[in-house]
């Protein structure tokens, strides 16, 4: 599968089950924990559970002059989905993200012995029982999980953009009055 097919597959099959309730920080780095569920391609009927967190560095409305940085989004078995290819793919299509500095740290990769719908219910209930407002729950294809994770992060950025602009303007007015 080439990078265009991988991206289209992720767009088509990624679903955010439970969005992060807390906003991303406007003036600081934000740790965004996630649980990404994928139907197992090896053990039919089981679910791959990838959990971790993405460090989203302090957002910036003006893109910094340094090169975009994606760390921890590599796929060992899909050389077409290396981070340089992902960055080029997004930039060529006019996709620019505030700061373009994202560092993914996958903390665990497990198997849930049950179908995807059962795993969704289990993890959603678990997050609700612990009143966890910081962790996002999403599903996406196992073979293109980095794109699914980027779609999740982009949705969080888009959700915050109007509040970020308001906070930036408020800060500017306080400094200049």
Foldseek 3Di string as FASTA:
>chain_A
DAPVVLLVQQVVFKDWPFAQQDAADQAFKDKFKEWEWAQDPPDHFKIKIWIWTKTHGRFDPDEDPDDQDEAPLDDPVDVNPDPVNVSVVCVVVVHDGGHNYMHIDTPDIDMGNGHPVVVSVVVVVVCVVVVPRRYIYMYHHPVNVSSSVVVSVVVSCVVCVVVSVVVVVVVVVVVVD
